[in-house]
Amino acid sequence: MGEFRLIRLGEQIREEIASMILSEQIKDPRVSTFLNINRVEVSRDLSYAKVYVSSFMTDKSTEKGVKGLESAAGFIQTLLSKKLRLRQFPRLTFIADASIKEGMDMVRKLNELEQQGL
């Protein structure tokens, strides 16, 4: 599959999982609506997809949410395969991503430096 199609498929998967989380279709109590799906990387042969998850919550809460998504992966894959109609649907792997929290920390530090006049 071409690179552009893999990127587009990753975006479609990201949007669908995010809407499932927001609409609370995933009934696992560990999955909070505060979880954010940053990006999805699909392998070239469509056998695997890495789903990067972040949140503004504590790292422990984010890890719990990722474990909840991992346990609901079969349910998520089933719903997605019905919507996206692929011959082979990738196996989803959820990974905690701290990039949003790190970005917010960087902005806070820059604001502190600006206030100090440096």
Protein backbone atom coordinates (compact mmCIF):
# COMPACT_ATOMS: atom_id res chain seq x y z
CA MET A 1 0.00 0.00 0.00
CA GLY A 2 1.29 3.48 -0.83
CA GLU A 3 2.62 5.81 1.84
CA PHE A 4 -0.17 8.35 1.35
CA ARG A 5 -2.84 5.66 1.71
CA LEU A 6 -1.21 4.37 4.93
CA ILE A 7 -1.20 7.88 6.39
CA ARG A 8 -4.83 8.42 5.37
CA LEU A 9 -5.85 5.05 6.86
CA GLY A 10 -4.04 5.95 10.09
CA GLU A 11 -5.96 9.22 10.25
CA GLN A 12 -9.28 7.45 9.67
CA ILE A 13 -8.51 4.93 12.43
CA ARG A 14 -7.47 7.78 14.77
CA GLU A 15 -10.69 9.70 14.14
CA GLU A 16 -12.89 6.62 14.63
CA ILE A 17 -11.21 5.57 17.90
CA ALA A 18 -11.37 9.15 19.20
CA SER A 19 -15.09 9.33 18.44
CA MET A 20 -15.63 5.97 20.18
CA ILE A 21 -13.91 7.33 23.29
CA LEU A 22 -15.87 10.60 23.25
CA SER A 23 -19.22 8.89 22.66
CA GLU A 24 -18.37 6.40 25.44
CA GLN A 25 -18.92 3.34 23.24
CA ILE A 26 -16.02 1.67 25.05
CA LYS A 27 -17.56 0.58 28.34
CA ASP A 28 -14.30 -0.12 30.21
CA PRO A 29 -14.25 2.18 33.29
CA ARG A 30 -10.50 2.78 32.84
CA VAL A 31 -11.12 4.49 29.48
CA SER A 32 -11.76 8.16 30.19
CA THR A 33 -13.08 10.77 27.79
CA PHE A 34 -9.92 12.75 28.66
CA LEU A 35 -7.81 10.33 26.62
CA ASN A 36 -6.53 11.68 23.33
CA ILE A 37 -5.43 9.67 20.29
CA ASN A 38 -2.37 11.52 18.92
CA ARG A 39 -1.52 9.42 15.90
CA VAL A 40 -1.78 5.96 14.39
CA GLU A 41 1.08 4.32 12.51
CA VAL A 42 -0.03 1.50 10.21
CA SER A 43 2.52 -1.07 8.99
CA ARG A 44 3.00 -1.46 5.24
CA ASP A 45 1.44 -4.93 5.16
CA LEU A 46 -1.58 -3.78 7.25
CA SER A 47 -0.89 -6.39 9.90
CA TYR A 48 -0.28 -3.97 12.79
CA ALA A 49 -1.19 -0.44 13.82
CA LYS A 50 0.37 1.45 16.72
CA VAL A 51 -2.08 3.81 18.39
CA TYR A 52 -0.42 6.56 20.45
CA VAL A 53 -2.56 7.71 23.39
CA SER A 54 -1.99 10.72 25.64
CA SER A 55 -3.86 12.72 28.22
CA PHE A 56 -3.65 15.73 30.49
CA MET A 57 -4.34 13.41 33.43
CA THR A 58 -1.59 11.90 35.58
CA ASP A 59 0.75 9.35 34.04
CA LYS A 60 -0.83 6.61 36.17
CA SER A 61 -4.33 7.46 34.92
CA THR A 62 -3.09 7.52 31.34
CA GLU A 63 -1.48 4.09 31.77
CA LYS A 64 -4.77 2.75 33.17
CA GLY A 65 -6.60 4.17 30.17
CA VAL A 66 -4.12 2.54 27.79
CA LYS A 67 -4.62 -0.81 29.55
CA GLY A 68 -8.39 -0.36 29.23
CA LEU A 69 -8.02 0.31 25.51
CA GLU A 70 -5.75 -2.75 25.17
CA SER A 71 -8.39 -4.93 26.79
CA ALA A 72 -11.07 -3.49 24.49
CA ALA A 73 -8.87 -3.82 21.37
CA GLY A 74 -10.89 -6.71 19.95
CA PHE A 75 -14.15 -4.78 20.30
CA ILE A 76 -12.56 -1.67 18.74
CA GLN A 77 -11.12 -3.68 15.85
CA THR A 78 -14.49 -5.29 15.17
CA LEU A 79 -16.29 -1.93 15.03
CA LEU A 80 -13.58 -0.37 12.89
CA SER A 81 -13.46 -3.26 10.44
CA LYS A 82 -17.20 -2.87 9.82
CA LYS A 83 -16.85 0.87 9.18
CA LEU A 84 -13.64 0.93 7.14
CA ARG A 85 -14.15 -2.22 5.04
CA LEU A 86 -10.59 -3.44 4.62
CA ARG A 87 -9.66 -6.88 3.35
CA GLN A 88 -7.23 -7.28 6.24
CA PHE A 89 -7.67 -5.10 9.30
CA PRO A 90 -4.53 -4.31 11.34
CA ARG A 91 -4.11 -5.56 14.90
CA LEU A 92 -4.19 -2.54 17.21
CA THR A 93 -1.50 -1.90 19.81
CA PHE A 94 -1.99 1.00 22.22
CA ILE A 95 1.03 2.95 23.46
CA ALA A 96 1.14 5.72 26.09
CA ASP A 97 2.51 8.94 24.59
CA ALA A 98 3.71 11.76 26.82
CA SER A 99 4.25 14.31 24.04
CA ILE A 100 1.31 16.57 24.96
CA LYS A 101 2.36 16.73 28.61
CA GLU A 102 5.99 17.40 27.60
CA GLY A 103 4.85 20.15 25.22
CA MET A 104 2.78 21.81 27.95
CA ASP A 105 5.78 21.65 30.33
CA MET A 106 7.97 23.29 27.67
CA VAL A 107 5.44 26.11 27.14
CA ARG A 108 5.23 26.63 30.93
CA LYS A 109 9.03 26.85 31.19
CA LEU A 110 9.22 29.30 28.29
CA ASN A 111 6.55 31.47 29.91
CA GLU A 112 8.50 31.45 33.19
CA LEU A 113 11.68 32.51 31.38
CA GLU A 114 9.79 35.27 29.57
CA GLN A 115 8.41 36.59 32.86
CA GLN A 116 11.91 36.63 34.36
CA GLY A 117 13.06 38.75 31.43
CA LEU A 118 15.60 36.30 30.05
